[in-house]
Amino acid sequence: MEINKKDKFILRGLASQLADIGSLPIQKEKAEMWKKLNKLESTKPMVLINEIPWHEMNVDDELTLQCEDEFCRKIEQHLRQIIYQWKHLRADMVIEPKIYCPKVIYDSGFGIEEESDIISVDSSNPIVSRHFHPQIKEEEDIEKIKFPTVTYDAEATERNYQLICEIFDGILPVEKIGMPGFWFAPWDQLVTWWGVEELMIDLIERPEFVHKVISRLVDAHLYRLNQYESLGLLSLNNGPFRVGSGGYGYTDELPKPGFNPENVRAIDLWGCATAQIFVAVSPEMHEEFAVKHEKRWLDRFGLVYYGCCEPLHKKMDMLRRNIPNLRKVSMNYRIDVDTAVETVGKDYVFSYKPNPAVLAEAVWSMEKARNELEYVLKRTKEKGCIVEIIMKDISTVNYGPKRLWEWAEMASRLTEEYA
């Protein structure tokens, strides 16, 4: 494969911008601040924005792709989004001056594909509403969950690597990368194969059946993890990589003793888990049907992030008992803040998720957004909590991209005030 001169010129121009940004002293300063936060040391509340509705964000063609080749267009999109975020949505993001070349990995999956009815209100928005068609109903359906086969294509990886090195020669170093951690949400998977109402009824009426199903899926995830580990396809995530549904994983507590860079182990990584569908179940049921099973996965990792959109302020005692390597806990905007600051305290990173709906309303109110965030910052500071602010799940900004720009600037100023 050869890259045409125009595409190469475009990519090298973007890479030069990235190299300049990545070499700024502020990058190392921010990385050290994230490291302090993840070590539960006092630092300012850190802010990061992700899960951005990129289809609504283009201003002055900053995100308009110009390359012709599809391989180049994917790289171009990645570079343009990073540069755009640095320019407009910076907060406490960190950019390292390098290009990653993902290893080419094939995964056969778990044997079941989601079957659902979909309703979309915006054809350009990937966020849609779904009604799931149950596929797991009886004991024999458990066998539908297959154990994945993982294969590595070293030849394709090397081919891509050499091509990317050629494109960015003299501007940015290129580094091969495997899987820097996993998004582990078995219950969020299962509900797409089971149905929401059906699952909730079965938790009460068929608990043993439920245990068999979730146990099978966790077994399948562990089987896949073992392959990634044995094939040398894991990569460290103790750097500018998002951990769970939170911020960066910068830490000097990973990798663990015995680390071999040629064969990264799960214990050298951050792990995560979440059971968002359990938003309305009791701590006891959450422990029995989710955490007791997720623990088999989480025990394999060095440090753990737990949660996403499920309010966990009433479940901290249960998480403390079960997850000794827990370090960061998601605190969604649905929490009772007063209870949350008491139950989290200084023992874990308080990973707060503001309500993204404020960005989607007919009339944008900076005051409303600031008031919500300031209340949380005030209460967490009173209790000495270690805080990160993660604005995520932004399905829309009502086609007003500058709303998010303004939120980023406001959050950055406000967290400095509460440092």
Protein backbone atom coordinates (compact mmCIF):
# COMPACT_ATOMS: atom_id res chain seq x y z
CA MET A 1 0.00 0.00 0.00
CA GLU A 2 1.29 3.43 -0.96
CA ILE A 3 0.15 6.74 0.45
CA ASN A 4 -0.45 9.51 -2.07
CA LYS A 5 1.46 12.75 -1.59
CA LYS A 6 -1.59 14.80 -0.73
CA ASP A 7 -2.70 12.48 2.08
CA LYS A 8 0.83 12.26 3.43
CA PHE A 9 1.19 16.06 3.40
CA ILE A 10 -2.09 16.48 5.31
CA LEU A 11 -1.19 13.90 7.96
CA ARG A 12 2.31 15.26 8.46
CA GLY A 13 0.92 18.76 8.93
CA LEU A 14 -1.48 17.55 11.62
CA ALA A 15 1.29 15.49 13.24
CA SER A 16 3.52 18.56 13.42
CA GLN A 17 0.78 20.37 15.34
CA LEU A 18 0.43 17.38 17.66
CA ALA A 19 4.20 17.23 18.21
CA ASP A 20 4.28 20.89 19.19
CA ILE A 21 1.36 20.45 21.61
CA GLY A 22 2.77 17.24 23.08
CA SER A 23 6.14 18.84 23.80
CA LEU A 24 4.67 21.65 25.93
CA PRO A 25 5.81 21.54 29.60
CA ILE A 26 2.17 21.59 30.72
CA GLN A 27 1.77 18.01 29.52
CA LYS A 28 4.18 16.63 32.12
CA GLU A 29 2.73 18.92 34.78
CA LYS A 30 -0.80 17.64 34.13
CA ALA A 31 0.39 14.04 34.02
CA GLU A 32 1.95 14.47 37.48
CA MET A 33 -1.30 15.94 38.79
CA TRP A 34 -3.26 12.94 37.51
CA LYS A 35 -0.68 10.68 39.12
CA LYS A 36 -1.13 12.43 42.47
CA LEU A 37 -4.89 12.17 42.20
CA ASN A 38 -4.74 8.44 41.45
CA LYS A 39 -2.46 7.98 44.45
CA LEU A 40 -5.08 9.73 46.63
CA GLU A 41 -2.81 12.69 47.23
CA SER A 42 -4.12 16.23 47.46
CA THR A 43 -4.39 18.03 44.13
CA LYS A 44 -6.94 20.18 42.36
CA PRO A 45 -10.09 18.45 41.11
CA MET A 46 -9.13 17.19 37.64
CA VAL A 47 -11.45 17.66 34.67
CA LEU A 48 -11.78 15.57 31.52
CA ILE A 49 -14.33 15.50 28.72
CA ASN A 50 -15.05 12.40 26.66
CA GLU A 51 -17.83 10.67 24.72
CA ILE A 52 -18.21 13.79 22.63
CA PRO A 53 -20.91 14.13 19.92
CA TRP A 54 -18.38 14.74 17.19
CA HIS A 55 -21.07 14.89 14.50
CA GLU A 56 -22.22 18.20 16.06
CA MET A 57 -18.83 19.73 16.85
CA ASN A 58 -17.41 20.85 13.51
CA VAL A 59 -16.70 24.58 13.44
CA ASP A 60 -14.84 26.30 10.58
CA ASP A 61 -14.09 22.87 9.03
CA GLU A 62 -11.67 21.99 11.84
CA LEU A 63 -12.97 18.41 11.74
CA THR A 64 -13.58 18.13 8.00
CA LEU A 65 -11.57 15.24 6.58
CA GLN A 66 -9.42 15.97 3.53
CA CYS A 67 -7.55 12.71 2.96
CA GLU A 68 -8.73 10.35 0.20
CA ASP A 69 -7.49 6.94 1.33
CA GLU A 70 -9.66 5.29 4.01
CA PHE A 71 -6.63 4.20 6.07
CA CYS A 72 -5.40 7.80 6.11
CA ARG A 73 -8.85 9.20 6.85
CA LYS A 74 -9.08 7.17 10.06
CA ILE A 75 -5.72 8.53 11.22
CA GLU A 76 -6.70 12.04 10.13
CA GLN A 77 -9.95 11.90 12.07
CA HIS A 78 -8.11 10.83 15.22
CA LEU A 79 -5.54 13.62 14.88
CA ARG A 80 -8.12 16.30 14.12
CA GLN A 81 -10.22 15.32 17.12
CA ILE A 82 -7.24 15.44 19.49
CA ILE A 83 -6.15 18.85 18.21
CA TYR A 84 -9.74 20.15 18.33
CA GLN A 85 -10.18 18.97 21.91
CA TRP A 86 -6.91 20.57 22.96
CA LYS A 87 -7.96 23.86 21.37
CA HIS A 88 -11.56 24.00 22.61
CA LEU A 89 -12.22 21.33 25.28
CA ARG A 90 -8.84 21.09 26.96
CA ALA A 91 -9.66 21.01 30.67
CA ASP A 92 -6.94 18.74 32.14
CA MET A 93 -6.27 16.56 29.13
CA VAL A 94 -2.76 15.27 28.46
CA ILE A 95 -1.23 14.78 25.02
CA GLU A 96 1.95 12.74 24.63
CA PRO A 97 4.05 13.34 21.51
CA LYS A 98 3.71 9.95 19.87
CA ILE A 99 1.51 7.99 17.48
CA TYR A 100 0.09 4.60 18.46
CA CYS A 101 -0.19 1.77 15.97
CA PRO A 102 -2.80 -0.72 17.26
CA LYS A 103 -1.92 -4.37 16.95
CA VAL A 104 -4.24 -6.19 14.56
CA ILE A 105 -6.25 -8.50 16.80
CA TYR A 106 -9.20 -10.68 15.85
CA ASP A 107 -11.77 -11.77 18.41
CA SER A 108 -14.53 -14.27 17.58
CA GLY A 109 -16.86 -12.76 20.20
CA PHE A 110 -19.40 -14.34 22.53
CA GLY A 111 -21.65 -16.01 19.97
CA ILE A 112 -24.72 -13.78 20.40
CA GLU A 113 -25.51 -10.60 18.50
CA GLU A 114 -28.00 -8.09 19.81
CA GLU A 115 -31.46 -8.30 18.27
CA SER A 116 -33.43 -5.12 18.80
CA ASP A 117 -35.83 -2.55 17.42
CA ILE A 118 -34.16 0.83 17.03
CA ILE A 119 -35.63 4.31 17.12
CA SER A 120 -33.48 7.27 16.10
CA VAL A 121 -34.36 10.95 16.27
CA ASP A 122 -31.20 12.10 14.47
CA SER A 123 -29.80 9.98 11.64
CA SER A 124 -26.32 11.44 12.13
CA ASN A 125 -26.25 10.60 15.86
CA PRO A 126 -25.06 7.08 16.80
CA ILE A 127 -27.03 7.30 20.08
CA VAL A 128 -30.36 5.54 19.58
CA SER A 129 -33.15 3.94 21.62
CA ARG A 130 -33.46 0.16 21.60
CA HIS A 131 -36.05 -2.47 22.47
CA PHE A 132 -34.28 -5.79 22.95
CA HIS A 133 -35.59 -9.14 21.74
CA PRO A 134 -34.81 -11.76 24.42
CA GLN A 135 -32.54 -14.60 23.34
CA ILE A 136 -31.77 -16.07 26.77
CA LYS A 137 -34.95 -17.56 28.18
CA GLU A 138 -34.27 -21.14 29.31
CA GLU A 139 -31.39 -23.29 30.61
CA GLU A 140 -30.45 -24.51 27.13
CA ASP A 141 -29.96 -20.89 26.01
CA ILE A 142 -26.95 -20.54 28.30
CA GLU A 143 -24.93 -22.52 25.76
CA LYS A 144 -25.48 -19.73 23.25
CA ILE A 145 -22.77 -17.82 25.11
CA LYS A 146 -19.54 -18.95 23.45
CA PHE A 147 -15.93 -18.69 24.59
CA PRO A 148 -14.06 -16.28 22.30
CA THR A 149 -11.00 -17.18 20.25
CA VAL A 150 -8.36 -14.45 20.04
CA THR A 151 -5.80 -14.35 17.22
CA TYR A 152 -3.01 -11.91 16.46
CA ASP A 153 -2.04 -10.90 12.93
CA ALA A 154 1.61 -9.97 13.32
CA GLU A 155 2.10 -9.53 9.58
CA ALA A 156 -0.73 -7.00 9.21
CA THR A 157 0.45 -5.19 12.35
CA GLU A 158 3.97 -4.85 11.00
CA ARG A 159 2.67 -3.67 7.63
CA ASN A 160 0.59 -0.95 9.28
CA TYR A 161 3.46 -0.03 11.58
CA GLN A 162 5.92 0.47 8.74
CA LEU A 163 3.40 2.51 6.81
CA ILE A 164 2.67 4.80 9.75
CA CYS A 165 6.38 5.15 10.50
CA GLU A 166 6.92 6.25 6.90
CA ILE A 167 4.13 8.83 7.10
CA PHE A 168 5.35 10.40 10.34
CA ASP A 169 9.10 9.92 9.91
CA GLY A 170 11.04 12.72 11.56
CA ILE A 171 7.96 14.21 13.25
CA LEU A 172 6.58 11.75 15.81
CA PRO A 173 7.70 8.34 17.08
CA VAL A 174 5.35 5.43 16.42
CA GLU A 175 4.63 2.79 19.04
CA LYS A 176 2.82 -0.52 18.62
CA ILE A 177 0.09 -1.00 21.19
CA GLY A 178 -2.05 -3.94 22.21
CA MET A 179 -5.13 -3.82 24.44
CA PRO A 180 -4.67 -1.16 27.17
CA GLY A 181 -7.37 -2.54 29.43
CA PHE A 182 -10.95 -3.64 28.85
CA TRP A 183 -14.42 -2.23 29.36
CA PHE A 184 -15.94 -4.96 31.53
CA ALA A 185 -19.72 -4.66 31.79
CA PRO A 186 -21.14 -8.19 31.61
CA TRP A 187 -24.56 -7.16 32.90
CA ASP A 188 -24.82 -4.42 30.29
CA GLN A 189 -24.11 -7.13 27.71
CA LEU A 190 -26.55 -9.62 29.17
CA VAL A 191 -29.47 -7.22 29.29
CA THR A 192 -29.22 -6.77 25.50
CA TRP A 193 -29.65 -10.56 25.09
CA TRP A 194 -32.15 -10.97 27.93
CA GLY A 195 -34.46 -7.95 27.94
CA VAL A 196 -34.72 -5.42 30.78
CA GLU A 197 -38.09 -6.39 32.22
CA GLU A 198 -37.41 -10.09 31.75
CA LEU A 199 -34.11 -9.84 33.62
CA MET A 200 -35.57 -7.93 36.55
CA ILE A 201 -38.31 -10.50 36.99
CA ASP A 202 -35.84 -13.38 36.79
CA LEU A 203 -33.69 -11.86 39.55
CA ILE A 204 -36.64 -12.55 41.86
CA GLU A 205 -38.27 -15.62 40.34
CA ARG A 206 -35.27 -17.56 38.94
CA PRO A 207 -32.16 -16.49 40.89
CA GLU A 208 -30.26 -19.76 40.29
CA PHE A 209 -30.81 -19.46 36.55
CA VAL A 210 -29.51 -15.88 36.67
CA HIS A 211 -26.36 -17.00 38.53
CA LYS A 212 -25.68 -19.68 35.93
CA VAL A 213 -25.95 -17.22 33.07
CA ILE A 214 -23.73 -14.50 34.54
CA SER A 215 -21.20 -17.10 35.68
CA ARG A 216 -20.99 -18.45 32.13
CA LEU A 217 -20.40 -14.97 30.68
CA VAL A 218 -17.71 -14.10 33.24
CA ASP A 219 -16.02 -17.44 32.48
CA ALA A 220 -16.01 -16.47 28.80
CA HIS A 221 -14.50 -13.05 29.56
CA LEU A 222 -11.76 -14.65 31.67
CA TYR A 223 -11.06 -17.18 28.92
CA ARG A 224 -10.56 -14.29 26.51
CA LEU A 225 -8.39 -12.36 29.01
CA ASN A 226 -6.12 -15.39 29.43
CA GLN A 227 -5.55 -15.45 25.67
CA TYR A 228 -4.70 -11.76 25.50
CA GLU A 229 -2.25 -12.31 28.34
CA SER A 230 -0.60 -15.45 26.93
CA LEU A 231 -0.32 -13.98 23.43
CA GLY A 232 1.36 -10.82 24.75
CA LEU A 233 -1.45 -8.60 23.50
CA LEU A 234 -1.96 -6.49 26.65
CA SER A 235 -0.47 -3.02 26.96
CA LEU A 236 -0.06 -0.83 30.02
CA ASN A 237 -2.77 1.74 30.79
CA ASN A 238 -0.91 3.71 33.49
CA GLY A 239 -0.62 6.71 31.20
CA PRO A 240 -2.90 8.86 29.00
CA PHE A 241 -5.52 6.15 28.78
CA ARG A 242 -9.03 6.45 30.09
CA VAL A 243 -9.68 4.01 32.94
CA GLY A 244 -13.20 2.63 33.25
CA SER A 245 -15.67 5.50 32.80
CA GLY A 246 -13.30 7.96 34.46
CA GLY A 247 -10.11 9.89 33.82
CA TYR A 248 -6.53 8.96 33.00
CA GLY A 249 -4.72 6.04 34.55
CA TYR A 250 -1.44 7.82 35.33
CA THR A 251 0.19 6.07 38.30
CA ASP A 252 3.56 4.82 39.50
CA GLU A 253 1.83 1.98 41.39
CA LEU A 254 1.62 0.05 38.12
CA PRO A 255 3.05 -2.11 36.67
CA LYS A 256 3.49 -4.54 39.57
CA PRO A 257 6.76 -6.22 40.63
CA GLY A 258 7.90 -8.87 38.18
CA PHE A 259 6.80 -6.81 35.20
CA ASN A 260 8.05 -7.96 31.82
CA PRO A 261 7.46 -5.41 29.03
CA GLU A 262 7.43 -8.25 26.50
CA ASN A 263 4.53 -9.97 28.27
CA VAL A 264 2.28 -7.53 30.12
CA ARG A 265 0.00 -9.20 32.67
CA ALA A 266 -3.48 -8.22 33.79
CA ILE A 267 -2.07 -7.50 37.26
CA ASP A 268 0.02 -4.72 35.66
CA LEU A 269 -3.12 -2.91 34.51
CA TRP A 270 -6.08 -0.96 35.78
CA GLY A 271 -9.26 -3.02 35.60
CA CYS A 272 -12.85 -1.90 35.76
CA ALA A 273 -16.41 -3.18 36.09
CA THR A 274 -19.90 -1.77 36.04
CA ALA A 275 -23.49 -3.02 36.24
CA GLN A 276 -25.50 -0.03 35.09
CA ILE A 277 -28.71 -1.98 34.71
CA PHE A 278 -28.64 -2.52 38.49
CA VAL A 279 -29.34 1.15 39.12
CA ALA A 280 -32.54 0.32 41.02
CA VAL A 281 -31.60 -2.89 42.86
CA SER A 282 -30.60 -3.03 46.51
CA PRO A 283 -26.96 -3.20 47.66
CA GLU A 284 -27.59 -6.83 48.67
CA MET A 285 -28.84 -7.83 45.22
CA HIS A 286 -26.07 -5.84 43.53
CA GLU A 287 -23.54 -7.74 45.60
CA GLU A 288 -25.10 -11.16 45.02
CA PHE A 289 -25.76 -10.97 41.29
CA ALA A 290 -23.08 -8.56 40.10
CA VAL A 291 -20.10 -7.89 42.35
CA LYS A 292 -19.61 -11.48 43.55
CA HIS A 293 -19.23 -12.48 39.90
CA GLU A 294 -17.34 -9.37 38.75
CA LYS A 295 -14.84 -9.94 41.56
CA ARG A 296 -13.39 -12.93 39.71
CA TRP A 297 -12.42 -10.53 36.93
CA LEU A 298 -11.37 -7.60 39.12
CA ASP A 299 -9.06 -9.74 41.25
CA ARG A 300 -6.84 -10.20 38.21
CA PHE A 301 -5.95 -6.50 37.97
CA GLY A 302 -3.61 -4.24 39.92
CA LEU A 303 -5.98 -1.33 40.53
CA VAL A 304 -9.72 -1.05 39.92
CA TYR A 305 -12.24 1.55 38.78
CA TYR A 306 -15.87 0.68 39.56
CA GLY A 307 -19.11 2.00 38.15
CA CYS A 308 -20.50 4.23 35.44
CA CYS A 309 -24.06 5.56 35.38
CA GLU A 310 -25.43 3.59 38.34
CA PRO A 311 -25.61 5.66 41.57
CA LEU A 312 -23.29 3.99 44.09
CA HIS A 313 -23.55 6.28 47.12
CA LYS A 314 -25.57 3.67 49.06
CA LYS A 315 -23.39 0.75 47.96
CA MET A 316 -19.94 1.80 49.16
CA ASP A 317 -19.87 -0.57 52.16
CA MET A 318 -20.55 -3.45 49.81
CA LEU A 319 -17.81 -2.36 47.38
CA ARG A 320 -15.30 -1.95 50.23
CA ARG A 321 -15.94 -5.51 51.42
CA ASN A 322 -15.55 -7.11 48.02
CA ILE A 323 -12.93 -5.16 46.07
CA PRO A 324 -9.68 -4.69 48.03
CA ASN A 325 -7.86 -3.18 45.00
CA LEU A 326 -10.58 -0.56 44.44
CA ARG A 327 -9.15 2.92 43.83
CA LYS A 328 -11.72 4.98 41.89
CA VAL A 329 -15.52 4.99 42.16
CA SER A 330 -17.99 6.52 39.75
CA MET A 331 -20.36 9.02 41.31
CA ASN A 332 -23.09 9.80 38.78
CA TYR A 333 -25.12 13.02 39.00
CA ARG A 334 -28.07 10.96 40.32
CA ILE A 335 -26.32 10.39 43.65
CA ASP A 336 -27.21 12.04 46.92
CA VAL A 337 -24.07 14.15 47.23
CA ASP A 338 -24.20 14.48 51.02
CA THR A 339 -24.36 10.70 51.45
CA ALA A 340 -21.71 10.12 48.79
CA VAL A 341 -19.04 12.36 50.33
CA GLU A 342 -19.49 10.56 53.65
CA THR A 343 -19.31 7.04 52.21
CA VAL A 344 -16.41 7.69 49.81
CA GLY A 345 -14.42 10.01 52.05
CA LYS A 346 -10.69 10.15 51.32
CA ASP A 347 -10.38 6.42 50.64
CA TYR A 348 -11.13 6.47 46.91
CA VAL A 349 -11.11 8.88 44.00
CA PHE A 350 -14.55 10.50 43.83
CA SER A 351 -15.17 10.29 40.07
CA TYR A 352 -18.05 12.70 39.56
CA LYS A 353 -20.15 12.72 36.37
CA PRO A 354 -22.12 15.95 35.85
CA ASN A 355 -25.48 15.78 34.10
CA PRO A 356 -24.83 16.11 30.34
CA ALA A 357 -28.50 16.97 29.72
CA VAL A 358 -27.72 20.57 30.68
CA LEU A 359 -25.87 20.83 27.34
CA ALA A 360 -28.87 19.58 25.35
CA GLU A 361 -31.61 21.87 26.64
CA ALA A 362 -33.41 24.32 24.36
CA VAL A 363 -31.78 27.23 26.18
CA TRP A 364 -28.18 26.86 27.32
CA SER A 365 -27.71 27.97 30.93
CA MET A 366 -24.12 28.33 32.05
CA GLU A 367 -25.39 29.36 35.47
CA LYS A 368 -27.30 26.08 35.87
CA ALA A 369 -24.26 24.05 34.85
CA ARG A 370 -21.98 26.00 37.17
CA ASN A 371 -24.32 25.74 40.15
CA GLU A 372 -24.51 21.95 39.88
CA LEU A 373 -20.76 21.57 39.67
CA GLU A 374 -20.01 24.13 42.38
CA TYR A 375 -22.30 22.40 44.87
CA VAL A 376 -20.45 19.11 44.37
CA LEU A 377 -17.04 20.76 44.60
CA LYS A 378 -18.03 22.56 47.78
CA ARG A 379 -19.28 19.40 49.51
CA THR A 380 -16.34 17.24 48.41
CA LYS A 381 -13.84 19.87 49.54
CA GLU A 382 -15.46 20.02 52.99
CA LYS A 383 -14.83 16.26 53.37
CA GLY A 384 -11.38 16.29 51.80
CA CYS A 385 -12.42 14.05 48.91
CA ILE A 386 -10.03 13.39 46.03
CA VAL A 387 -12.07 14.43 43.00
CA GLU A 388 -12.11 14.07 39.25
CA ILE A 389 -14.86 15.63 37.12
CA ILE A 390 -15.72 13.61 34.02
CA MET A 391 -18.20 15.13 31.57
CA LYS A 392 -19.34 12.17 29.49
CA ASP A 393 -22.38 10.58 27.79
CA ILE A 394 -22.84 13.76 25.78
CA SER A 395 -25.29 12.47 23.20
CA THR A 396 -26.03 15.99 21.94
CA VAL A 397 -25.22 19.65 22.54
CA ASN A 398 -28.33 20.66 20.55
CA TYR A 399 -25.97 21.52 17.69
CA GLY A 400 -24.38 24.23 19.79
CA PRO A 401 -20.73 23.08 20.04
CA LYS A 402 -19.65 26.27 21.80
CA ARG A 403 -21.80 25.23 24.76
CA LEU A 404 -19.28 22.49 25.48
CA TRP A 405 -16.38 24.88 24.89
CA GLU A 406 -17.86 27.20 27.50
CA TRP A 407 -18.52 24.33 29.92
CA ALA A 408 -14.88 23.23 29.64
CA GLU A 409 -13.62 26.74 30.38
CA MET A 410 -16.03 27.15 33.30
CA ALA A 411 -15.11 23.78 34.83
CA SER A 412 -11.40 24.53 34.52
CA ARG A 413 -11.75 27.90 36.27
CA LEU A 414 -14.05 26.55 38.94
CA THR A 415 -11.83 23.59 39.87
CA GLU A 416 -8.88 25.94 40.19
CA GLU A 417 -10.92 27.95 42.69
CA TYR A 418 -11.57 24.78 44.72
CA ALA A 419 -7.99 23.50 44.50
